[in-house]
C-alpha atoms as a PDB file:
ATOM      1  CA  MET A   1     -13.667  19.318 -17.008  1.00  0.00           C
ATOM      2  CA  GLU A   2     -14.271  16.704 -19.672  1.00  0.00           C
ATOM      3  CA  SER A   3     -16.383  13.916 -18.229  1.00  0.00           C
ATOM      4  CA  LEU A   4     -17.285  13.777 -14.575  1.00  0.00           C
ATOM      5  CA  ASN A   5     -16.589  10.042 -14.665  1.00  0.00           C
ATOM      6  CA  PRO A   6     -14.059   9.224 -17.422  1.00  0.00           C
ATOM      7  CA  HIS A   7     -13.241   5.813 -15.916  1.00  0.00           C
ATOM      8  CA  ASN A   8     -16.850   4.735 -15.259  1.00  0.00           C
ATOM      9  CA  LEU A   9     -16.186   4.230 -11.559  1.00  0.00           C
ATOM     10  CA  SER A  10     -18.818   3.875  -8.865  1.00  0.00           C
ATOM     11  CA  ASP A  11     -20.148   6.961  -7.120  1.00  0.00           C
ATOM     12  CA  ALA A  12     -17.731   6.299  -4.246  1.00  0.00           C
ATOM     13  CA  PHE A  13     -14.990   7.851  -6.380  1.00  0.00           C
ATOM     14  CA  GLN A  14     -15.411  11.494  -7.281  1.00  0.00           C
ATOM     15  CA  LEU A  15     -13.112  13.131  -9.824  1.00  0.00           C
ATOM     16  CA  THR A  16     -11.798  16.320  -8.227  1.00  0.00           C
ATOM     17  CA  LYS A  17      -9.047  17.457 -10.617  1.00  0.00           C
ATOM     18  CA  ILE A  18      -7.373  16.635 -13.934  1.00  0.00           C
ATOM     19  CA  ILE A  19      -3.743  17.553 -14.607  1.00  0.00           C
ATOM     20  CA  THR A  20      -2.442  17.164 -18.145  1.00  0.00           C
ATOM     21  CA  SER A  21       1.064  17.380 -19.548  1.00  0.00           C
ATOM     22  CA  LYS A  22       3.023  16.207 -22.577  1.00  0.00           C
ATOM     23  CA  ILE A  23       3.785  12.886 -20.884  1.00  0.00           C
ATOM     24  CA  ALA A  24       0.621  11.967 -18.987  1.00  0.00           C
ATOM     25  CA  THR A  25      -2.808  12.776 -17.678  1.00  0.00           C
ATOM     26  CA  VAL A  26      -3.394  12.613 -13.938  1.00  0.00           C
ATOM     27  CA  TYR A  27      -6.923  12.146 -12.641  1.00  0.00           C
ATOM     28  CA  ILE A  28      -7.300  12.972  -8.966  1.00  0.00           C
ATOM     29  CA  TYR A  29     -10.163  11.206  -7.225  1.00  0.00           C
ATOM     30  CA  ASN A  30     -11.517  11.909  -3.738  1.00  0.00           C
ATOM     31  CA  LYS A  31      -8.733  14.503  -3.359  1.00  0.00           C
ATOM     32  CA  ASN A  32      -6.172  11.800  -2.519  1.00  0.00           C
ATOM     33  CA  ILE A  33      -5.923   9.170  -5.251  1.00  0.00           C
ATOM     34  CA  ALA A  34      -3.893   9.888  -8.395  1.00  0.00           C
ATOM     35  CA  VAL A  35      -4.779   7.761 -11.410  1.00  0.00           C
ATOM     36  CA  VAL A  36      -1.935   8.336 -13.855  1.00  0.00           C
ATOM     37  CA  GLU A  37      -2.212   7.462 -17.532  1.00  0.00           C
ATOM     38  CA  VAL A  38       1.128   7.902 -19.271  1.00  0.00           C
ATOM     39  CA  ASN A  39       1.053   8.677 -22.984  1.00  0.00           C
ATOM     40  CA  GLU A  40       2.052   6.114 -25.601  1.00  0.00           C
ATOM     41  CA  GLY A  41       5.815   5.745 -26.173  1.00  0.00           C
ATOM     42  CA  VAL A  42       6.963   7.911 -23.242  1.00  0.00           C
ATOM     43  CA  ASN A  43      10.052   7.008 -21.204  1.00  0.00           C
ATOM     44  CA  LEU A  44       8.785   7.702 -17.694  1.00  0.00           C
ATOM     45  CA  SER A  45      11.557   8.733 -15.330  1.00  0.00           C
ATOM     46  CA  TYR A  46      11.997  11.133 -12.445  1.00  0.00           C
ATOM     47  CA  ALA A  47      13.556  13.656 -14.840  1.00  0.00           C
ATOM     48  CA  SER A  48      10.732  13.464 -17.381  1.00  0.00           C
ATOM     49  CA  ALA A  49       7.960  13.497 -14.773  1.00  0.00           C
ATOM     50  CA  ALA A  50       9.324  15.899 -12.137  1.00  0.00           C
ATOM     51  CA  SER A  51       7.194  18.887 -13.149  1.00  0.00           C
ATOM     52  CA  LEU A  52       4.063  16.730 -13.293  1.00  0.00           C
ATOM     53  CA  LEU A  53       4.877  15.253  -9.874  1.00  0.00           C
ATOM     54  CA  PHE A  54       5.257  18.731  -8.380  1.00  0.00           C
ATOM     55  CA  LYS A  55       1.889  19.807  -9.806  1.00  0.00           C
ATOM     56  CA  GLY A  56       0.326  16.747  -8.237  1.00  0.00           C
ATOM     57  CA  LEU A  57       1.966  17.377  -4.872  1.00  0.00           C
ATOM     58  CA  LEU A  58       0.574  20.916  -4.906  1.00  0.00           C
ATOM     59  CA  ALA A  59      -2.897  19.514  -5.529  1.00  0.00           C
ATOM     60  CA  PHE A  60      -2.561  17.045  -2.626  1.00  0.00           C
ATOM     61  CA  LYS A  61      -1.071  19.638  -0.258  1.00  0.00           C
ATOM     62  CA  ASN A  62      -0.029  17.620   2.815  1.00  0.00           C
ATOM     63  CA  ARG A  63      -2.739  14.974   2.538  1.00  0.00           C
ATOM     64  CA  PRO A  64      -1.763  11.293   2.329  1.00  0.00           C
ATOM     65  CA  TRP A  65      -2.289   9.944  -1.188  1.00  0.00           C
ATOM     66  CA  VAL A  66      -1.984   6.847  -3.354  1.00  0.00           C
ATOM     67  CA  TYR A  67      -0.536   6.586  -6.875  1.00  0.00           C
ATOM     68  CA  ILE A  68      -2.280   4.265  -9.338  1.00  0.00           C
ATOM     69  CA  SER A  69      -0.621   3.682 -12.692  1.00  0.00           C
ATOM     70  CA  ASN A  70      -3.429   2.881 -15.127  1.00  0.00           C
ATOM     71  CA  ARG A  71      -1.471   1.238 -17.950  1.00  0.00           C
ATOM     72  CA  VAL A  72      -3.761   1.991 -20.879  1.00  0.00           C
ATOM     73  CA  ASN A  73      -0.797   2.817 -23.157  1.00  0.00           C
ATOM     74  CA  SER A  74       2.586   1.233 -23.838  1.00  0.00           C
ATOM     75  CA  TYR A  75       5.546   3.121 -22.368  1.00  0.00           C
ATOM     76  CA  SER A  76       8.799   2.464 -20.534  1.00  0.00           C
ATOM     77  CA  VAL A  77       9.634   3.092 -16.885  1.00  0.00           C
ATOM     78  CA  THR A  78      12.957   3.688 -15.165  1.00  0.00           C
ATOM     79  CA  PRO A  79      12.456   1.400 -12.144  1.00  0.00           C
ATOM     80  CA  THR A  80      15.458   2.728 -10.207  1.00  0.00           C
ATOM     81  CA  ASP A  81      13.623   6.067  -9.981  1.00  0.00           C
ATOM     82  CA  TYR A  82      11.233   4.548  -7.445  1.00  0.00           C
ATOM     83  CA  GLU A  83      13.829   5.668  -4.867  1.00  0.00           C
ATOM     84  CA  TYR A  84      12.591   9.242  -5.386  1.00  0.00           C
ATOM     85  CA  LEU A  85       9.004   8.230  -4.683  1.00  0.00           C
ATOM     86  CA  HIS A  86      10.112   6.597  -1.445  1.00  0.00           C
ATOM     87  CA  LYS A  87      11.201  10.033  -0.203  1.00  0.00           C
ATOM     88  CA  ILE A  88       7.707  11.496  -0.564  1.00  0.00           C
ATOM     89  CA  LYS A  89       6.268  11.002   2.922  1.00  0.00           C
ATOM     90  CA  THR A  90       2.666  11.765   1.939  1.00  0.00           C
ATOM     91  CA  LEU A  91       2.715   9.052  -0.742  1.00  0.00           C
ATOM     92  CA  LYS A  92       1.407   5.983   1.068  1.00  0.00           C
ATOM     93  CA  ALA A  93       1.215   3.295  -1.635  1.00  0.00           C
ATOM     94  CA  LEU A  94       1.414   2.515  -5.350  1.00  0.00           C
ATOM     95  CA  SER A  95      -0.472   0.177  -7.598  1.00  0.00           C
ATOM     96  CA  ILE A  96      -0.430  -0.749 -11.234  1.00  0.00           C
ATOM     97  CA  VAL A  97      -3.489  -1.658 -13.263  1.00  0.00           C
ATOM     98  CA  VAL A  98      -2.721  -3.630 -16.410  1.00  0.00           C
ATOM     99  CA  PRO A  99      -5.257  -4.544 -19.080  1.00  0.00           C
ATOM    100  CA  ALA A 100      -6.658  -8.073 -18.824  1.00  0.00           C
ATOM    101  CA  GLY A 101      -4.519 -10.531 -20.755  1.00  0.00           C
ATOM    102  CA  THR A 102      -1.354  -8.435 -20.388  1.00  0.00           C
ATOM    103  CA  ASP A 103       1.862 -10.068 -19.174  1.00  0.00           C
ATOM    104  CA  PRO A 104       2.547  -8.449 -15.787  1.00  0.00           C
ATOM    105  CA  SER A 105       6.158  -9.699 -15.536  1.00  0.00           C
ATOM    106  CA  THR A 106       7.691  -6.269 -16.151  1.00  0.00           C
ATOM    107  CA  THR A 107       5.798  -4.876 -13.187  1.00  0.00           C
ATOM    108  CA  ALA A 108       7.457  -7.494 -10.977  1.00  0.00           C
ATOM    109  CA  ILE A 109      10.762  -5.745 -11.689  1.00  0.00           C
ATOM    110  CA  GLU A 110       9.259  -2.406 -10.650  1.00  0.00           C
ATOM    111  CA  GLN A 111       8.017  -3.938  -7.409  1.00  0.00           C
ATOM    112  CA  ILE A 112      11.592  -4.894  -6.480  1.00  0.00           C
ATOM    113  CA  PHE A 113      12.564  -1.208  -6.506  1.00  0.00           C
ATOM    114  CA  CYS A 114       9.509   0.084  -4.655  1.00  0.00           C
ATOM    115  CA  ARG A 115       9.728   0.291  -0.867  1.00  0.00           C
ATOM    116  CA  LYS A 116       6.120   1.372  -0.308  1.00  0.00           C
ATOM    117  CA  PRO A 117       3.063  -0.879  -0.315  1.00  0.00           C
ATOM    118  CA  PHE A 118       2.647  -2.028  -3.922  1.00  0.00           C
ATOM    119  CA  LYS A 119      -0.133  -3.987  -5.641  1.00  0.00           C
ATOM    120  CA  LEU A 120      -0.775  -5.203  -9.160  1.00  0.00           C
ATOM    121  CA  TYR A 121      -4.298  -5.446 -10.567  1.00  0.00           C
ATOM    122  CA  SER A 122      -5.574  -6.918 -13.809  1.00  0.00           C
ATOM    123  CA  ASN A 123      -9.264  -6.848 -12.934  1.00  0.00           C
ATOM    124  CA  GLY A 124      -9.769  -3.167 -13.614  1.00  0.00           C
ATOM    125  CA  LEU A 125      -9.278   0.193 -12.016  1.00  0.00           C
ATOM    126  CA  GLU A 126     -12.132  -0.010  -9.507  1.00  0.00           C
ATOM    127  CA  GLU A 127     -10.424  -2.799  -7.534  1.00  0.00           C
ATOM    128  CA  ALA A 128      -7.235  -0.722  -7.265  1.00  0.00           C
ATOM    129  CA  MET A 129      -9.273   2.287  -6.148  1.00  0.00           C
ATOM    130  CA  VAL A 130     -10.930   0.269  -3.365  1.00  0.00           C
ATOM    131  CA  TRP A 131      -7.479  -0.890  -2.200  1.00  0.00           C
ATOM    132  CA  ALA A 132      -6.215   2.721  -2.277  1.00  0.00           C
ATOM    133  CA  GLU A 133      -9.111   3.856  -0.077  1.00  0.00           C
ATOM    134  CA  LYS A 134      -8.329   1.048   2.383  1.00  0.00           C
ATOM    135  CA  VAL A 135      -4.665   2.079   2.530  1.00  0.00           C
ATOM    136  CA  LEU A 136      -5.661   5.693   3.149  1.00  0.00           C
ATOM    137  CA  HIS A 137      -8.212   4.679   5.802  1.00  0.00           C
ATOM    138  CA  ASP A 138      -5.588   2.527   7.565  1.00  0.00           C
ATOM    139  CA  THR A 139      -3.093   5.413   7.388  1.00  0.00           C
ATOM    140  CA  LYS A 140      -5.624   7.762   8.971  1.00  0.00           C
ATOM    141  CA  ASN A 141      -6.361   5.254  11.751  1.00  0.00           C
ATOM    142  CA  ASN A 142      -2.642   4.717  12.412  1.00  0.00           C
ATOM    143  CA  LEU A 143      -2.086   8.477  12.700  1.00  0.00           C
ATOM    144  CA  GLN A 144      -5.037   8.773  15.075  1.00  0.00           C
ATOM    145  CA  ASN A 145      -3.718   5.904  17.215  1.00  0.00           C
ATOM    146  CA  GLN A 146      -0.297   7.563  17.369  1.00  0.00           C
ATOM    147  CA  ARG A 147      -1.886  10.846  18.497  1.00  0.00           C
ATOM    148  CA  ASP A 148      -4.041   9.056  21.069  1.00  0.00           C
ATOM    149  CA  SER A 149      -1.023   7.273  22.536  1.00  0.00           C
ATOM    150  CA  LEU A 150       0.622  10.654  23.215  1.00  0.00           C
ATOM    151  CA  PHE A 151      -2.117  11.405  25.716  1.00  0.00           C
ATOM    152  CA  LEU A 152      -2.075   8.112  27.633  1.00  0.00           C
END
């Protein structure tokens, strides 16, 4: 593994796996957060990213997870393909991290097509990671509450 902390995150976030492909690099933190960095000039769509998505799903197994798009490169997205992500039950939320000073208006279009919790961050990756952990914690608590209510 290259660096144990390629994003200079706090110790709360441990890199557990790196998946690379021709279109992107996926950094998996804490076994349930995918930080995806798409390569420059790629047209990201369900068709172009399907094999990478399947590799990621294998790494997550059946654990709930959060997708963070770390927009360090310029590339295009097919926003209508968010419908495929909606069908992944273990995917709990998505966020996009844009570099400071970047116009986030294109991400507003993506948000229209996304039916899962969705957040935009321009203050860096760490803030998005903290939000992802909160989403996952809330998901875990909701599942526990549902189980507990079965026994009432």
